[in-house]
Protein backbone atom coordinates (compact mmCIF):
# COMPACT_ATOMS: atom_id res chain seq x y z
CA MET A 1 23.66 -0.91 -3.41
CA ILE A 2 22.56 -0.92 -7.10
CA ARG A 3 19.48 1.05 -8.18
CA LEU A 4 17.90 2.07 -11.41
CA GLU A 5 17.63 5.75 -12.02
CA LYS A 6 15.05 6.97 -14.76
CA ARG A 7 16.74 9.00 -17.45
CA PRO A 8 15.21 12.44 -18.28
CA ASN A 9 15.10 11.28 -21.93
CA ALA A 10 15.43 8.01 -23.65
CA SER A 11 19.08 7.33 -24.65
CA LYS A 12 19.46 7.14 -28.47
CA ALA A 13 22.88 5.56 -28.05
CA TRP A 14 21.40 2.74 -26.05
CA SER A 15 18.35 2.39 -28.24
CA TYR A 16 20.71 1.66 -31.21
CA SER A 17 23.11 -0.42 -29.41
CA THR A 18 20.80 -2.72 -27.46
CA PRO A 19 20.09 -4.99 -30.40
CA LEU A 20 23.71 -5.46 -31.12
CA LEU A 21 24.39 -6.17 -27.41
CA ALA A 22 21.44 -8.50 -27.21
CA VAL A 23 22.89 -10.51 -30.21
CA LEU A 24 26.32 -10.69 -28.56
CA LEU A 25 24.74 -11.89 -25.27
CA THR A 26 22.73 -14.45 -27.05
CA MET A 27 26.00 -15.75 -28.84
CA ILE A 28 27.68 -15.89 -25.35
CA PHE A 29 24.89 -17.62 -23.36
CA GLY A 30 23.86 -19.76 -26.44
CA GLY A 31 27.41 -21.01 -26.64
CA LEU A 32 27.21 -21.96 -22.82
CA LEU A 33 23.97 -23.88 -23.53
CA PHE A 34 25.61 -25.75 -26.52
CA ALA A 35 28.67 -26.60 -24.12
CA ALA A 36 26.31 -27.93 -21.55
CA LEU A 37 24.84 -30.21 -24.19
CA GLY A 38 28.31 -31.43 -24.94
CA LYS A 39 28.83 -29.72 -28.19
CA ASP A 40 31.70 -27.52 -29.23
CA PRO A 41 30.15 -23.85 -28.59
CA ILE A 42 32.56 -22.15 -31.07
CA ALA A 43 31.67 -24.65 -33.83
CA ALA A 44 27.88 -24.31 -33.05
CA ILE A 45 27.95 -20.51 -33.27
CA ARG A 46 30.06 -20.71 -36.31
CA THR A 47 27.64 -23.10 -37.97
CA ILE A 48 24.62 -20.89 -37.18
CA PHE A 49 26.04 -17.47 -38.09
CA TYR A 50 28.89 -18.05 -40.52
CA ASP A 51 28.22 -21.19 -42.75
CA PRO A 52 24.95 -19.96 -44.31
CA LEU A 53 26.70 -16.68 -45.40
CA LEU A 54 30.28 -17.52 -46.06
CA GLY A 55 30.64 -21.18 -45.59
CA GLN A 56 31.30 -23.95 -48.15
CA HIS A 57 27.56 -24.17 -49.46
CA ALA A 58 26.80 -20.60 -48.78
CA PHE A 59 25.86 -20.16 -52.57
CA PHE A 60 22.96 -22.52 -51.78
CA TYR A 61 21.90 -21.02 -48.58
CA ARG A 62 21.71 -17.39 -49.50
CA PRO A 63 18.61 -17.48 -51.60
CA GLN A 64 17.04 -19.56 -48.77
CA LEU A 65 18.00 -16.68 -46.43
CA LEU A 66 15.72 -14.32 -48.25
CA VAL A 67 12.94 -16.95 -48.55
CA LYS A 68 12.93 -17.57 -44.83
CA ALA A 69 13.19 -13.88 -44.01
CA ALA A 70 10.31 -12.77 -46.29
CA PRO A 71 7.34 -13.91 -44.08
CA LEU A 72 9.03 -12.66 -41.02
CA ILE A 73 9.54 -9.26 -42.46
CA LEU A 74 6.10 -9.09 -43.94
CA ILE A 75 4.47 -9.95 -40.63
CA ALA A 76 6.74 -7.75 -38.47
CA ILE A 77 6.18 -4.77 -40.57
CA GLY A 78 2.42 -5.01 -40.00
CA LEU A 79 2.86 -5.69 -36.33
CA SER A 80 5.27 -2.72 -35.92
CA LEU A 81 2.63 -0.22 -36.99
CA GLY A 82 0.32 -1.33 -34.32
CA PHE A 83 3.09 -1.66 -31.67
CA ARG A 84 4.07 2.00 -32.41
CA ALA A 85 0.55 3.16 -31.85
CA GLY A 86 0.06 1.07 -28.65
CA ILE A 87 -2.11 -1.53 -30.41
CA TRP A 88 -0.88 -5.05 -29.55
CA ASN A 89 -1.74 -7.61 -32.13
CA ILE A 90 -0.34 -11.00 -30.78
CA GLY A 91 -2.39 -13.18 -33.12
CA ALA A 92 -0.49 -12.76 -36.34
CA GLU A 93 0.01 -16.47 -36.39
CA GLY A 94 -3.78 -16.95 -36.76
CA GLN A 95 -3.89 -14.47 -39.53
CA TYR A 96 -0.98 -16.08 -41.15
CA ILE A 97 -3.00 -19.39 -41.16
CA ILE A 98 -6.28 -17.93 -42.36
CA GLY A 99 -4.43 -16.09 -45.20
CA ALA A 100 -2.85 -19.41 -46.24
CA LEU A 101 -6.27 -21.18 -46.14
CA CYS A 102 -8.13 -18.48 -48.18
CA GLY A 103 -5.33 -18.23 -50.82
CA ALA A 104 -4.89 -21.95 -51.17
CA GLY A 105 -8.63 -22.31 -51.32
CA VAL A 106 -8.85 -20.11 -54.33
CA GLY A 107 -6.02 -22.01 -56.15
CA LEU A 108 -7.59 -25.37 -55.34
CA ALA A 109 -10.97 -24.22 -56.49
CA PHE A 110 -9.65 -23.53 -60.05
CA TYR A 111 -7.76 -26.98 -60.20
CA PRO A 112 -6.59 -28.09 -62.75
CA THR A 113 -7.26 -24.85 -64.75
CA GLU A 114 -4.20 -22.82 -65.71
CA SER A 115 -4.71 -19.16 -66.06
CA PHE A 116 -2.58 -16.08 -65.34
CA ILE A 117 -5.29 -14.57 -63.26
CA ILE A 118 -5.32 -17.46 -60.67
CA PHE A 119 -2.28 -16.24 -58.69
CA PRO A 120 -3.30 -12.69 -58.44
CA LEU A 121 -6.82 -13.87 -57.08
CA MET A 122 -4.92 -16.07 -54.53
CA VAL A 123 -2.82 -13.04 -53.44
CA LEU A 124 -6.15 -10.97 -52.99
CA ALA A 125 -7.67 -13.81 -51.01
CA GLY A 126 -4.76 -14.26 -48.79
CA ALA A 127 -4.61 -10.62 -47.88
CA LEU A 128 -8.49 -10.44 -47.40
CA GLY A 129 -8.45 -13.51 -45.24
CA GLY A 130 -5.81 -12.30 -42.86
CA TRP A 131 -7.48 -8.74 -42.78
CA ALA A 132 -10.94 -10.27 -42.00
CA TRP A 133 -9.35 -12.48 -39.18
CA ALA A 134 -7.62 -9.26 -37.70
CA MET A 135 -10.95 -7.38 -37.91
CA ILE A 136 -12.48 -9.67 -35.18
CA PRO A 137 -10.29 -8.28 -32.39
CA ALA A 138 -10.36 -4.87 -33.95
CA VAL A 139 -14.14 -4.56 -34.07
CA LEU A 140 -14.57 -6.11 -30.55
CA LYS A 141 -12.10 -3.52 -29.20
CA THR A 142 -13.73 -0.51 -30.81
CA ARG A 143 -17.18 -1.52 -30.13
CA PHE A 144 -16.99 -3.29 -26.76
CA GLY A 145 -13.61 -2.28 -25.42
CA THR A 146 -12.15 -5.75 -25.26
CA ASN A 147 -8.40 -6.42 -24.90
CA GLU A 148 -6.96 -7.02 -28.44
CA ILE A 149 -4.10 -8.97 -26.88
CA LEU A 150 -6.36 -11.84 -25.50
CA VAL A 151 -8.81 -11.88 -28.44
CA SER A 152 -6.14 -12.05 -31.15
CA LEU A 153 -4.18 -14.60 -29.15
CA MET A 154 -7.25 -16.91 -28.59
CA LEU A 155 -8.07 -16.64 -32.31
CA VAL A 156 -4.74 -18.28 -33.19
CA TYR A 157 -5.97 -21.59 -31.48
CA VAL A 158 -9.18 -21.26 -33.44
CA ALA A 159 -7.22 -20.87 -36.75
CA GLU A 160 -5.07 -23.88 -35.86
CA ASN A 161 -8.13 -26.03 -35.47
CA LEU A 162 -9.42 -24.80 -38.69
CA LEU A 163 -6.21 -25.69 -40.37
CA ARG A 164 -6.35 -29.23 -39.14
CA GLY A 165 -9.98 -29.52 -40.11
CA MET A 166 -9.39 -28.25 -43.51
CA ALA A 167 -6.25 -30.53 -44.09
CA VAL A 168 -8.23 -33.64 -43.21
CA GLY A 169 -11.53 -32.52 -44.66
CA LEU A 170 -12.59 -29.95 -47.19
CA MET A 171 -9.20 -29.36 -48.64
CA LYS A 172 -7.99 -33.01 -48.40
CA ASN A 173 -6.32 -34.32 -51.55
CA PRO A 174 -8.78 -36.92 -53.04
CA GLU A 175 -5.78 -38.53 -54.67
CA GLY A 176 -3.69 -38.51 -51.55
CA PHE A 177 -4.33 -42.15 -50.44
CA GLY A 178 -6.00 -40.94 -47.35
CA PHE A 179 -3.15 -38.89 -46.04
CA PRO A 180 -4.02 -35.45 -44.54
CA GLY A 181 -3.11 -32.40 -46.67
CA SER A 182 -4.26 -30.64 -49.85
CA ARG A 183 -3.07 -30.98 -53.40
CA ASN A 184 0.32 -29.70 -54.15
CA LEU A 185 -0.16 -26.15 -55.49
CA ALA A 186 3.05 -26.61 -57.62
CA GLN A 187 1.27 -29.14 -59.83
CA TYR A 188 0.05 -26.23 -62.01
CA PRO A 189 2.61 -23.42 -62.40
CA SER A 190 0.06 -20.65 -62.93
CA ALA A 191 -0.97 -20.92 -59.25
CA THR A 192 2.52 -20.81 -57.67
CA SER A 193 4.34 -17.82 -56.52
CA TRP A 194 7.96 -18.50 -57.74
CA ILE A 195 9.83 -15.63 -59.24
CA SER A 196 12.57 -18.07 -60.18
CA GLN A 197 12.13 -21.60 -59.03
CA ASN A 198 15.68 -22.36 -59.88
CA ALA A 199 16.98 -19.73 -57.70
CA GLY A 200 14.47 -20.50 -55.07
CA LEU A 201 12.94 -17.11 -54.84
CA HIS A 202 9.26 -16.36 -54.74
CA TRP A 203 7.03 -13.28 -54.87
CA GLY A 204 6.96 -13.05 -51.11
CA VAL A 205 10.54 -11.71 -51.20
CA ALA A 206 9.53 -8.92 -53.48
CA PHE A 207 6.41 -8.06 -51.38
CA ALA A 208 8.53 -7.97 -48.16
CA LEU A 209 10.87 -5.45 -49.79
CA ILE A 210 7.85 -3.34 -51.11
CA ALA A 211 6.31 -3.52 -47.58
CA VAL A 212 9.55 -2.07 -45.99
CA ILE A 213 9.64 0.77 -48.52
CA PHE A 214 5.95 1.60 -48.02
CA ALA A 215 6.16 1.43 -44.21
CA TYR A 216 9.15 3.80 -44.27
CA ILE A 217 7.40 6.20 -46.44
CA LEU A 218 4.18 6.04 -44.27
CA LEU A 219 6.04 6.53 -41.06
CA THR A 220 8.33 9.35 -42.18
CA ARG A 221 6.33 11.20 -44.86
CA HIS A 222 2.73 10.80 -44.21
CA MET A 223 0.17 12.28 -41.64
CA LEU A 224 -1.15 8.90 -40.79
CA GLY A 225 2.37 7.70 -39.91
CA PHE A 226 2.70 10.85 -37.74
CA ASN A 227 -0.64 9.94 -36.09
CA ILE A 228 0.58 6.40 -35.39
CA ARG A 229 3.81 7.57 -33.77
CA LEU A 230 1.97 10.21 -31.74
CA ALA A 231 -0.72 7.81 -30.38
CA GLY A 232 2.13 5.52 -29.15
CA GLN A 233 4.37 8.19 -27.60
CA ALA A 234 1.68 10.60 -26.28
CA PRO A 235 -1.88 9.14 -26.25
CA ARG A 236 -3.46 12.28 -24.56
CA ALA A 237 -1.78 14.57 -26.98
CA ALA A 238 -3.10 12.40 -29.75
CA ARG A 239 -6.64 12.67 -28.55
CA PHE A 240 -6.34 16.44 -28.27
CA SER A 241 -5.02 16.80 -31.75
CA GLY A 242 -8.08 14.97 -33.23
CA VAL A 243 -6.63 11.50 -33.92
CA ASN A 244 -9.44 9.16 -34.23
CA PRO A 245 -8.62 6.05 -32.18
CA THR A 246 -11.14 3.84 -33.68
CA ARG A 247 -9.84 4.48 -37.25
CA LEU A 248 -6.27 3.94 -35.93
CA VAL A 249 -7.14 0.57 -34.45
CA LEU A 250 -8.91 -0.57 -37.51
CA PHE A 251 -6.06 0.45 -39.86
CA CYS A 252 -3.23 -0.93 -37.78
CA LEU A 253 -4.88 -4.27 -36.91
CA GLY A 254 -6.26 -4.56 -40.53
CA THR A 255 -2.82 -3.89 -42.06
CA SER A 256 -1.04 -6.21 -39.85
CA GLY A 257 -3.61 -8.83 -40.73
CA ALA A 258 -3.45 -8.42 -44.36
CA LEU A 259 0.36 -8.63 -44.47
CA ALA A 260 0.27 -11.81 -42.22
CA GLY A 261 -2.24 -13.21 -44.62
CA LEU A 262 -0.06 -12.43 -47.52
CA ALA A 263 2.91 -14.11 -45.63
CA GLY A 264 0.81 -17.30 -45.29
CA LEU A 265 -0.33 -17.25 -48.90
CA PHE A 266 3.25 -16.92 -50.26
CA GLU A 267 4.45 -19.69 -47.91
CA VAL A 268 1.69 -22.12 -48.95
CA SER A 269 2.10 -21.30 -52.61
CA GLY A 270 5.84 -21.37 -52.52
CA PRO A 271 8.13 -23.23 -50.08
CA ALA A 272 5.44 -25.35 -48.32
CA GLY A 273 3.36 -26.01 -51.55
CA GLN A 274 0.21 -27.36 -49.67
CA ILE A 275 -1.99 -27.19 -46.72
CA THR A 276 -0.92 -29.56 -44.05
CA THR A 277 -1.85 -30.18 -40.47
CA ASP A 278 1.51 -28.84 -39.20
CA PHE A 279 1.76 -25.97 -41.92
CA ASN A 280 2.23 -23.14 -39.38
CA VAL A 281 5.75 -23.04 -37.86
CA GLY A 282 5.40 -20.08 -35.55
CA TYR A 283 6.36 -17.30 -37.89
CA GLY A 284 3.64 -15.17 -36.39
CA PHE A 285 5.14 -15.31 -32.91
CA THR A 286 8.82 -15.12 -34.18
CA ALA A 287 7.83 -11.93 -36.00
CA ILE A 288 7.24 -10.18 -32.77
CA ILE A 289 10.97 -10.83 -31.84
CA VAL A 290 11.88 -9.44 -35.27
CA ALA A 291 9.79 -6.33 -34.87
CA PHE A 292 11.35 -5.46 -31.43
CA LEU A 293 14.80 -6.45 -32.52
CA GLY A 294 14.45 -4.09 -35.37
CA ARG A 295 13.34 -1.36 -32.97
CA LEU A 296 9.96 -1.13 -34.92
CA HIS A 297 11.78 0.53 -37.67
CA PRO A 298 11.24 -0.69 -41.25
CA VAL A 299 14.95 -0.79 -42.17
CA GLY A 300 15.68 -2.38 -38.68
CA ILE A 301 13.00 -4.93 -39.28
CA LEU A 302 14.56 -5.81 -42.63
CA LEU A 303 17.97 -6.52 -41.00
CA ALA A 304 16.35 -8.41 -38.04
CA GLY A 305 14.31 -10.45 -40.33
CA LEU A 306 17.46 -11.61 -42.17
CA LEU A 307 19.25 -12.19 -38.87
CA MET A 308 16.48 -14.40 -37.64
CA ALA A 309 16.22 -16.26 -40.83
CA LEU A 310 20.00 -16.86 -40.45
CA THR A 311 19.25 -18.60 -37.01
CA TYR A 312 16.70 -20.68 -38.80
CA ILE A 313 18.89 -21.82 -41.53
CA GLY A 314 22.07 -22.13 -39.41
CA GLY A 315 20.02 -24.01 -36.80
CA GLU A 316 18.93 -26.46 -39.40
CA ILE A 317 22.51 -26.97 -40.43
CA ALA A 318 23.63 -27.39 -36.80
CA GLN A 319 20.92 -30.03 -36.17
CA SER A 320 21.97 -32.04 -39.10
CA GLN A 321 25.82 -31.60 -38.77
CA LEU A 322 26.23 -31.26 -34.97
CA GLN A 323 23.14 -33.20 -33.85
CA LEU A 324 21.94 -30.28 -31.79
CA PRO A 325 18.22 -30.84 -30.57
CA ALA A 326 15.56 -28.61 -32.19
CA ALA A 327 14.49 -27.49 -28.67
CA ALA A 328 18.03 -26.09 -28.05
CA ILE A 329 17.88 -23.96 -31.44
CA GLN A 330 14.34 -22.62 -30.42
CA LEU A 331 15.66 -21.72 -26.90
CA PHE A 332 18.56 -20.02 -28.62
CA GLN A 333 16.23 -17.92 -30.82
CA GLY A 334 14.13 -17.04 -27.76
CA MET A 335 17.27 -15.79 -25.97
CA LEU A 336 17.36 -13.01 -28.52
CA LEU A 337 14.01 -11.53 -27.35
CA PHE A 338 14.95 -12.16 -23.66
CA PHE A 339 18.13 -10.23 -23.76
CA LEU A 340 16.78 -7.53 -25.98
CA LEU A 341 14.10 -6.81 -23.40
CA ALA A 342 16.57 -7.06 -20.51
CA VAL A 343 19.12 -4.72 -22.09
CA ASP A 344 16.44 -2.46 -23.44
CA LEU A 345 15.88 -1.34 -19.85
CA LEU A 346 18.97 0.78 -20.06
CA THR A 347 17.45 2.86 -22.81
CA ASN A 348 15.14 4.57 -20.18
CA TYR A 349 17.10 3.80 -17.06
CA ARG A 350 20.75 4.10 -15.98
CA ILE A 351 22.43 1.97 -13.29
CA ARG A 352 23.59 3.74 -10.27
CA LEU A 353 25.79 2.57 -7.42
CA LYS A 354 24.62 3.79 -4.06
CA GLN A 355 26.74 3.38 -1.01
CA GLY A 356 24.92 2.05 2.14
CA ALA A 357 24.46 4.17 5.15
CA ALA A 358 27.02 3.59 7.90
CA ALA A 359 25.87 1.35 10.81
């Protein structure tokens, strides 16, 4: 008989090796999925993981890897702070949308004025928009004891409806011949977020790296970071040591909302370029996978964000070159979280073989 035996202490070796094992299992079972679809599994895995980095056109895909990873890293860094403290923000997708709407709204309000101050105002509006949307579940939790998981998740659908309403209503391009969607923010350079448009890099990449550095310093060198870790690992000890749970909830949800809002702002003012009915592509939910794949550690999240971005870009290449369906690529990405959660069980439990009693 096989049984699980709880370890006295969590295994550090398994904690660090489970992400690698999860990636390996995803490759194996993803290859079986592609084979079942009638595609060459080795060619599919090579296209997803090898071609964007070392393939024939890798020089073009490498900057795109950073651009794809930036919103995932920004959102995942914010989520990881709450997850470490036992505060579960599942609505980052909604905060991402509201941040994009607020930031784009500021830029469109100044159209066609060109000024160096427009883009900083858009950044501020994007962060404030995401923060304000995250404050709804934060205040409801601290004042009325509601579940932040349910409230933040339900607010995603509210934000999606607001997005569609704005794309066909208030933000609709009056010169767009009736098509839904806002003006293209790239029409006036002072309101765009490109560091180098030729290289394809925008300011979201720089902000993502800054967020990683600040999160690392916060968690390892600041008392607030210690309180966050203590609240997640030993809630009773945190209460006895004087940690204020209300302030912790407001800080963690507010920070994650602000970072998700920034991710939305950089996306709408950079790669997307405009508000559309299908602007959101699930980055807020994918960032949850990135956060856990990176073990809720800033450096781990940086690497996990790059890996997930690799599957996005490689998946797009596989769809065009191998005619793989988009649903198969999404399932392949979801396997990462599934196998991570499955293998992560071995961090706290060990497998024991127990012989059955004699008849």
